[in-house]
Amino acid sequence: MHPWLAQRTAGFDSSGIRKMFALGAQMRDPINLSIGQPDFPVPAAVKDEICRNVQADRNGYTATEGILDLRKKLEGLIDTQWGHHPNRRLMVSSGTSGALNLALMALINPGDEVIYFDPYFVMYPALVELAGGVSVQIDTYPDFQIDVEKVRAAITPKTKMIILNSPSNPTGVCCSEEAMRGLALLAQEKNICLVSDEIYSHFHFDSPALSPLKWNPDTLVIDGFSKSYAMTGLRVGFVHGPAEVIDTLAKLQQFTYVCAPAPMQWGAITALDLDMHAEIDRYRQKRDTLVAGLQGYYQLTVPGGAFYAFPKLPDGCSGEEFLERAIAHELLIIPGNIFSRSDSHFRISYAVDDRTLDRGIAALQKIARG
């Protein structure tokens, strides 16, 4: 380790994800089922609005909290969906990852415990550690559903935060209404901050979208435009929650990210008027195609949302061994141990065109047949 580097950077590793990008760049025609971003383009109306604002020289700083027009529009949508809470405030962030990082910096003191669920989004352990927190991971295998009593048993006097991600990356599984309600009420009872990472909120295939905000008005909700409108590189997210918490996040944003990119915020206003149901329906169809194609070959908990599946590895096969087999078939997937303490599954992203998905299914079937 270089002597200049801080010790806190040594506890996590992004080499697994970087390896996938490097492998993909070397392959001539890879079957890439590793990338977690939509395969549809940013809607034309959004691109046009961004370009208009760039040409109009709306390229400077905005208010740290975000453009007022965007905040008001988002607040109206949230009030319509979940009811108005007078103490709730909203801030536009530099992506949802930026919002999560700010939330941890604002709320976590050194030694505070943060509960989240295994398998988990790869960024959670790293950001918790950077904030000085202690990760408490609760196992959700084999069906990836949350047991609220396990959460209750894991709570200690040091527990400060619970992070919920539904639909989940990497499993695509949606938290049940019963578990979500129980988690929301438990956090309220124990006066623990419940952070709901809702970046896949549009991608619910079998049931309506739910948020713990329905039962706990102090839930800190993080969402954004990256997945729903394919704006992954444009870095516009938002976070809403108790006013004093959001005010502190805004203060921290002022001294870190400053603000979300101005032209992209104007584009986000336009995005909120668009109907994305056709795109979501296509992803439901991709999910169904993948589930049918893997049936009889792999054990799989059917994903209810997002655009991931998390099949079980063949018996006796490690994630590294399976990755080698996949690469031999020009297939890129991500071993499950990047998202988990367990090395028993692998992640597929079906956010790809139909030809790539069909090729991927065929390759996975060949691998399973040996």
Protein backbone atom coordinates (compact mmCIF):
# COMPACT_ATOMS: atom_id res chain seq x y z
CA MET A 1 0.00 0.00 0.00
CA HIS A 2 1.40 3.41 -0.97
CA PRO A 3 2.43 5.38 2.13
CA TRP A 4 0.29 8.36 1.11
CA LEU A 5 -2.95 6.37 1.06
CA ALA A 6 -5.41 6.48 3.95
CA GLN A 7 -6.04 3.18 5.72
CA ARG A 8 -9.79 3.46 5.12
CA THR A 9 -9.21 2.85 1.40
CA ALA A 10 -7.70 -0.58 2.00
CA GLY A 11 -10.83 -2.34 3.22
CA PHE A 12 -12.69 -2.71 -0.06
CA ASP A 13 -11.90 -3.74 -3.59
CA SER A 14 -13.55 -2.90 -6.90
CA SER A 15 -11.24 -5.11 -8.99
CA GLY A 16 -13.98 -7.67 -9.71
CA ILE A 17 -16.17 -5.13 -11.50
CA ARG A 18 -13.18 -3.57 -13.27
CA LYS A 19 -12.15 -7.05 -14.44
CA MET A 20 -15.49 -7.44 -16.23
CA PHE A 21 -14.99 -4.18 -18.11
CA ALA A 22 -11.44 -5.19 -19.06
CA LEU A 23 -12.53 -8.63 -20.26
CA GLY A 24 -15.38 -7.15 -22.28
CA ALA A 25 -12.99 -4.74 -24.00
CA GLN A 26 -10.76 -7.64 -25.07
CA MET A 27 -13.52 -9.80 -26.55
CA ARG A 28 -14.55 -9.44 -30.18
CA ASP A 29 -18.28 -10.05 -29.74
CA PRO A 30 -18.90 -10.65 -26.02
CA ILE A 31 -22.23 -11.73 -24.62
CA ASN A 32 -22.21 -9.07 -21.95
CA LEU A 33 -24.70 -9.81 -19.18
CA SER A 34 -22.67 -7.94 -16.58
CA ILE A 35 -23.55 -4.27 -17.03
CA GLY A 36 -26.20 -2.75 -14.77
CA GLN A 37 -27.56 -0.03 -16.99
CA PRO A 38 -30.54 0.12 -19.36
CA ASP A 39 -29.98 -0.75 -23.02
CA PHE A 40 -32.53 1.81 -24.23
CA PRO A 41 -31.31 5.36 -24.98
CA VAL A 42 -32.01 8.52 -23.05
CA PRO A 43 -35.42 9.67 -24.38
CA ALA A 44 -35.13 12.12 -27.28
CA ALA A 45 -37.15 14.81 -25.50
CA VAL A 46 -34.73 14.71 -22.58
CA LYS A 47 -31.68 14.94 -24.84
CA ASP A 48 -33.24 17.86 -26.72
CA GLU A 49 -33.97 19.71 -23.48
CA ILE A 50 -30.43 19.15 -22.22
CA CYS A 51 -28.98 20.45 -25.49
CA ARG A 52 -31.25 23.51 -25.44
CA ASN A 53 -30.07 24.39 -21.96
CA VAL A 54 -26.42 23.85 -22.81
CA GLN A 55 -26.81 26.20 -25.80
CA ALA A 56 -28.70 28.69 -23.62
CA ASP A 57 -25.65 28.77 -21.32
CA ARG A 58 -27.46 27.24 -18.37
CA ASN A 59 -24.21 25.52 -17.50
CA GLY A 60 -23.27 27.15 -14.23
CA TYR A 61 -23.92 26.27 -10.63
CA THR A 62 -27.49 25.78 -9.49
CA ALA A 63 -28.76 26.08 -5.95
CA THR A 64 -27.08 23.32 -3.94
CA GLU A 65 -30.50 21.73 -3.29
CA GLY A 66 -31.28 21.69 -7.00
CA ILE A 67 -33.31 23.73 -9.47
CA LEU A 68 -36.53 24.89 -7.83
CA ASP A 69 -38.71 23.76 -10.75
CA LEU A 70 -37.35 20.21 -10.48
CA ARG A 71 -37.72 20.08 -6.70
CA LYS A 72 -41.30 21.31 -6.83
CA LYS A 73 -42.23 18.80 -9.50
CA LEU A 74 -40.68 15.92 -7.57
CA GLU A 75 -42.30 17.03 -4.32
CA GLY A 76 -45.70 17.12 -6.02
CA LEU A 77 -45.27 13.58 -7.36
CA ILE A 78 -44.16 12.26 -3.96
CA ASP A 79 -47.05 13.96 -2.15
CA THR A 80 -49.50 12.50 -4.65
CA GLN A 81 -48.12 9.00 -4.25
CA TRP A 82 -47.41 8.84 -0.51
CA GLY A 83 -49.22 11.80 1.06
CA HIS A 84 -47.93 15.16 2.21
CA HIS A 85 -45.72 15.32 5.30
CA PRO A 86 -45.05 18.89 6.49
CA ASN A 87 -41.61 18.01 7.88
CA ARG A 88 -40.42 16.32 4.67
CA ARG A 89 -37.92 18.09 2.44
CA LEU A 90 -36.28 17.13 -0.87
CA MET A 91 -32.87 17.75 -2.38
CA VAL A 92 -31.49 17.01 -5.84
CA SER A 93 -28.20 15.13 -5.62
CA SER A 94 -25.31 14.25 -7.90
CA GLY A 95 -26.65 10.78 -8.61
CA THR A 96 -28.15 8.36 -6.11
CA SER A 97 -24.68 7.20 -5.07
CA GLY A 98 -23.90 10.79 -4.16
CA ALA A 99 -27.05 10.96 -2.04
CA LEU A 100 -26.19 7.73 -0.23
CA ASN A 101 -22.63 8.90 0.42
CA LEU A 102 -23.92 12.19 1.84
CA ALA A 103 -26.46 10.37 4.02
CA LEU A 104 -23.77 8.18 5.55
CA MET A 105 -21.44 11.12 6.11
CA ALA A 106 -24.24 13.12 7.71
CA LEU A 107 -25.60 10.40 9.99
CA ILE A 108 -22.86 7.90 10.84
CA ASN A 109 -20.37 8.52 13.62
CA PRO A 110 -17.30 6.27 13.95
CA GLY A 111 -18.44 2.93 15.36
CA ASP A 112 -22.12 3.37 14.48
CA GLU A 113 -23.64 0.20 13.04
CA VAL A 114 -25.40 0.06 9.68
CA ILE A 115 -27.64 -2.90 8.90
CA TYR A 116 -28.13 -4.03 5.31
CA PHE A 117 -29.04 -7.28 3.61
CA ASP A 118 -26.83 -9.93 2.03
CA PRO A 119 -26.70 -10.08 -1.01
CA TYR A 120 -26.17 -6.30 -1.21
CA PHE A 121 -25.37 -3.57 -3.69
CA VAL A 122 -21.59 -3.63 -4.00
CA MET A 123 -21.20 -0.02 -2.87
CA TYR A 124 -22.80 -0.40 0.58
CA PRO A 125 -19.85 -1.92 2.50
CA ALA A 126 -17.39 0.55 0.99
CA LEU A 127 -19.43 3.66 1.77
CA VAL A 128 -20.23 2.48 5.29
CA GLU A 129 -16.52 1.95 5.95
CA LEU A 130 -15.55 5.31 4.44
CA ALA A 131 -18.00 6.98 6.84
CA GLY A 132 -16.41 5.15 9.79
CA GLY A 133 -19.40 2.89 10.31
CA VAL A 134 -19.58 -0.82 11.04
CA SER A 135 -21.42 -3.09 8.61
CA VAL A 136 -23.98 -5.53 10.00
CA GLN A 137 -25.02 -7.83 7.18
CA ILE A 138 -28.18 -9.92 7.54
CA ASP A 139 -28.37 -13.08 5.46
CA THR A 140 -31.46 -13.40 3.23
CA TYR A 141 -30.61 -16.73 1.55
CA PRO A 142 -32.17 -18.83 0.04
CA ASP A 143 -35.18 -16.78 -1.15
CA PHE A 144 -33.71 -13.28 -0.56
CA GLN A 145 -36.66 -12.17 1.54
CA ILE A 146 -36.17 -10.11 4.70
CA ASP A 147 -36.91 -11.63 8.10
CA VAL A 148 -37.84 -8.70 10.32
CA GLU A 149 -37.18 -10.73 13.46
CA LYS A 150 -33.59 -11.26 12.32
CA VAL A 151 -33.30 -7.49 12.01
CA ARG A 152 -34.75 -6.96 15.48
CA ALA A 153 -32.24 -9.43 16.91
CA ALA A 154 -29.34 -7.63 15.18
CA ILE A 155 -30.18 -4.20 16.59
CA THR A 156 -27.85 -2.95 19.32
CA PRO A 157 -27.44 0.41 21.08
CA LYS A 158 -24.95 1.30 18.30
CA THR A 159 -27.39 0.67 15.43
CA LYS A 160 -27.90 3.95 13.58
CA MET A 161 -29.17 3.01 10.14
CA ILE A 162 -30.88 0.26 8.12
CA ILE A 163 -30.51 0.26 4.33
CA LEU A 164 -33.24 -1.33 2.24
CA ASN A 165 -32.93 -1.83 -1.53
CA SER A 166 -36.11 -3.04 -3.22
CA PRO A 167 -36.17 -4.20 -5.98
CA SER A 168 -32.72 -5.46 -5.17
CA ASN A 169 -29.43 -5.29 -6.95
CA PRO A 170 -28.16 -8.05 -7.41
CA THR A 171 -31.14 -10.39 -6.97
CA GLY A 172 -34.02 -8.45 -8.55
CA VAL A 173 -36.19 -9.62 -5.64
CA CYS A 174 -38.81 -7.23 -4.22
CA CYS A 175 -39.33 -6.97 -0.49
CA SER A 176 -42.75 -8.31 0.51
CA GLU A 177 -45.33 -5.82 1.76
CA GLU A 178 -45.44 -7.57 5.14
CA ALA A 179 -41.66 -7.39 5.58
CA MET A 180 -41.46 -3.80 4.37
CA ARG A 181 -44.19 -2.69 6.76
CA GLY A 182 -42.52 -4.57 9.62
CA LEU A 183 -39.14 -3.02 8.83
CA ALA A 184 -40.62 0.47 8.60
CA LEU A 185 -42.38 0.14 11.96
CA LEU A 186 -39.34 -1.45 13.61
CA ALA A 187 -37.12 1.44 12.53
CA GLN A 188 -39.72 3.89 13.83
CA GLU A 189 -40.02 2.03 17.14
CA LYS A 190 -36.23 1.95 17.67
CA ASN A 191 -35.64 5.50 16.35
CA ILE A 192 -33.27 4.19 13.67
CA CYS A 193 -32.84 5.87 10.30
CA LEU A 194 -34.32 3.69 7.58
CA VAL A 195 -32.75 4.47 4.19
CA SER A 196 -34.80 3.19 1.26
CA ASP A 197 -32.73 2.91 -1.93
CA GLU A 198 -35.45 3.09 -4.58
CA ILE A 199 -33.40 3.57 -7.74
CA TYR A 200 -35.34 0.69 -9.38
CA SER A 201 -38.73 2.03 -8.26
CA HIS A 202 -40.11 2.02 -11.82
CA PHE A 203 -39.06 -1.60 -12.42
CA HIS A 204 -41.79 -3.54 -10.60
CA PHE A 205 -43.15 -6.34 -12.78
CA ASP A 206 -45.64 -8.32 -10.70
CA SER A 207 -46.98 -5.89 -8.10
CA PRO A 208 -47.23 -2.15 -7.52
CA ALA A 209 -44.22 -0.24 -6.25
CA LEU A 210 -44.00 0.00 -2.48
CA SER A 211 -41.99 2.23 -0.16
CA PRO A 212 -41.55 2.07 3.62
CA LEU A 213 -42.55 5.71 3.49
CA LYS A 214 -46.13 4.43 3.46
CA TRP A 215 -45.75 3.38 7.10
CA ASN A 216 -42.83 5.44 8.37
CA PRO A 217 -42.85 9.16 7.41
CA ASP A 218 -39.26 9.56 8.65
CA THR A 219 -37.90 7.17 6.00
CA LEU A 220 -34.98 8.66 4.07
CA VAL A 221 -35.74 7.84 0.43
CA ILE A 222 -33.09 7.90 -2.31
CA ASP A 223 -34.10 7.72 -5.97
CA GLY A 224 -33.03 9.11 -9.30
CA PHE A 225 -33.17 9.15 -13.09
CA SER A 226 -30.33 6.76 -13.97
CA LYS A 227 -32.28 3.53 -14.44
CA SER A 228 -35.81 4.73 -15.27
CA TYR A 229 -34.68 7.11 -18.01
CA ALA A 230 -31.27 5.56 -18.90
CA MET A 231 -29.52 8.67 -17.54
CA THR A 232 -26.75 6.74 -15.77
CA GLY A 233 -23.93 9.04 -16.86
CA LEU A 234 -25.86 12.26 -16.40
CA ARG A 235 -25.79 12.09 -12.59
CA VAL A 236 -29.15 13.33 -11.34
CA GLY A 237 -30.59 11.79 -8.20
CA PHE A 238 -32.77 13.02 -5.37
CA VAL A 239 -33.27 12.32 -1.71
CA HIS A 240 -36.14 13.23 0.59
CA GLY A 241 -36.70 12.84 4.28
CA PRO A 242 -36.89 14.74 7.57
CA ALA A 243 -36.19 18.44 6.99
CA GLU A 244 -33.27 18.73 9.40
CA VAL A 245 -31.56 15.71 7.83
CA ILE A 246 -32.00 17.05 4.29
CA ASP A 247 -30.70 20.47 5.37
CA THR A 248 -27.54 18.77 6.64
CA LEU A 249 -27.15 16.75 3.44
CA ALA A 250 -27.43 20.00 1.46
CA LYS A 251 -24.72 21.55 3.63
CA LEU A 252 -22.43 18.60 2.93
CA GLN A 253 -23.24 18.67 -0.79
CA GLN A 254 -22.23 22.33 -0.88
CA PHE A 255 -18.74 21.33 0.28
CA THR A 256 -18.42 18.17 -1.85
CA TYR A 257 -20.41 17.70 -5.07
CA VAL A 258 -21.66 21.34 -5.07
CA CYS A 259 -24.73 20.50 -7.16
CA ALA A 260 -26.02 18.10 -9.78
CA PRO A 261 -25.11 19.11 -13.37
CA ALA A 262 -27.36 22.01 -14.36
CA PRO A 263 -28.39 21.03 -17.93
CA MET A 264 -29.15 17.51 -16.74
CA GLN A 265 -31.49 18.85 -14.07
CA TRP A 266 -33.49 20.68 -16.76
CA GLY A 267 -33.57 17.46 -18.74
CA ALA A 268 -34.85 15.62 -15.66
CA ILE A 269 -37.83 17.99 -15.48
CA THR A 270 -38.78 16.90 -18.99
CA ALA A 271 -38.22 13.24 -18.10
CA LEU A 272 -40.86 13.38 -15.38
CA ASP A 273 -43.53 14.07 -18.03
CA LEU A 274 -42.67 10.98 -20.07
CA ASP A 275 -44.47 7.66 -20.06
CA MET A 276 -41.88 4.86 -19.72
CA HIS A 277 -44.37 1.98 -19.45
CA ALA A 278 -43.39 0.55 -22.84
CA GLU A 279 -39.74 0.30 -21.80
CA ILE A 280 -40.67 -1.29 -18.46
CA ASP A 281 -42.94 -3.80 -20.23
CA ARG A 282 -40.05 -4.82 -22.47
CA TYR A 283 -37.97 -5.52 -19.39
CA ARG A 284 -40.78 -7.63 -17.95
CA GLN A 285 -40.70 -9.64 -21.19
CA LYS A 286 -36.91 -9.99 -20.96
CA ARG A 287 -37.28 -11.23 -17.39
CA ASP A 288 -39.83 -13.82 -18.50
CA THR A 289 -37.60 -14.95 -21.38
CA LEU A 290 -34.63 -15.39 -19.06
CA VAL A 291 -36.60 -17.26 -16.38
CA ALA A 292 -38.05 -19.64 -18.98
CA GLY A 293 -34.64 -20.16 -20.57
CA LEU A 294 -32.92 -21.06 -17.29
CA GLN A 295 -35.69 -23.34 -16.02
CA GLY A 296 -34.37 -26.83 -15.55
CA TYR A 297 -30.77 -25.65 -15.81
CA TYR A 298 -30.28 -23.41 -12.73
CA GLN A 299 -32.00 -22.80 -9.42
CA LEU A 300 -33.41 -19.28 -9.57
CA THR A 301 -35.59 -17.12 -7.33
CA VAL A 302 -37.78 -15.31 -9.86
CA PRO A 303 -36.92 -11.60 -9.78
CA GLY A 304 -39.89 -9.29 -9.33
CA GLY A 305 -38.15 -6.12 -10.46
CA ALA A 306 -34.99 -4.24 -11.45
CA PHE A 307 -33.19 -6.01 -14.33
CA TYR A 308 -31.09 -8.63 -12.58
CA ALA A 309 -31.29 -12.33 -11.84
CA PHE A 310 -29.18 -14.20 -9.28
CA PRO A 311 -29.05 -17.90 -10.21
CA LYS A 312 -27.38 -20.51 -8.02
CA LEU A 313 -24.06 -21.88 -9.20
CA PRO A 314 -23.97 -25.52 -10.33
CA ASP A 315 -23.14 -27.90 -7.49
CA GLY A 316 -19.47 -28.01 -6.63
CA CYS A 317 -18.61 -24.95 -8.73
CA SER A 318 -17.06 -21.78 -7.30
CA GLY A 319 -17.78 -18.34 -8.67
CA GLU A 320 -14.26 -18.07 -10.12
CA GLU A 321 -14.57 -21.47 -11.82
CA PHE A 322 -17.96 -20.57 -13.27
CA LEU A 323 -16.60 -17.27 -14.55
CA GLU A 324 -13.82 -19.14 -16.36
CA ARG A 325 -16.40 -21.43 -17.98
CA ALA A 326 -18.49 -18.42 -18.97
CA ILE A 327 -15.51 -16.62 -20.51
CA ALA A 328 -14.77 -19.73 -22.57
CA HIS A 329 -18.23 -19.19 -24.09
CA GLU A 330 -17.60 -15.43 -24.62
CA LEU A 331 -20.08 -14.76 -21.80
CA LEU A 332 -19.61 -12.09 -19.15
CA ILE A 333 -21.43 -12.43 -15.83
CA ILE A 334 -20.45 -11.30 -12.32
CA PRO A 335 -19.67 -13.81 -9.55
CA GLY A 336 -22.04 -13.49 -6.61
CA ASN A 337 -19.27 -13.12 -4.03
CA ILE A 338 -18.78 -9.56 -5.22
CA PHE A 339 -22.20 -8.84 -3.73
CA SER A 340 -22.14 -11.26 -0.82
CA ARG A 341 -20.16 -13.12 1.81
CA SER A 342 -21.35 -16.30 0.07
CA ASP A 343 -19.86 -17.77 -3.10
CA SER A 344 -22.96 -19.63 -4.23
CA HIS A 345 -24.60 -17.56 -6.97
CA PHE A 346 -23.85 -15.32 -9.94
CA ARG A 347 -25.47 -12.15 -11.24
CA ILE A 348 -27.00 -11.69 -14.66
CA SER A 349 -28.10 -8.32 -16.01
CA TYR A 350 -30.75 -8.74 -18.68
CA ALA A 351 -30.63 -5.06 -19.60
CA VAL A 352 -29.52 -6.04 -23.09
CA ASP A 353 -31.01 -6.37 -26.55
CA ASP A 354 -32.97 -9.54 -27.32
CA ARG A 355 -30.24 -11.06 -29.50
CA THR A 356 -27.67 -10.73 -26.70
CA LEU A 357 -30.11 -12.16 -24.17
CA ASP A 358 -30.87 -15.16 -26.41
CA ARG A 359 -27.14 -15.79 -26.94
CA GLY A 360 -26.58 -15.52 -23.19
CA ILE A 361 -29.30 -18.03 -22.39
CA ALA A 362 -27.92 -20.45 -24.97
CA ALA A 363 -24.41 -20.11 -23.48
CA LEU A 364 -25.70 -20.67 -19.94
CA GLN A 365 -27.57 -23.77 -21.07
CA LYS A 366 -24.38 -25.16 -22.68
CA ILE A 367 -22.39 -24.48 -19.51
CA ALA A 368 -25.03 -26.26 -17.40
CA ARG A 369 -24.98 -29.28 -19.72
CA GLY A 370 -21.20 -29.43 -19.31
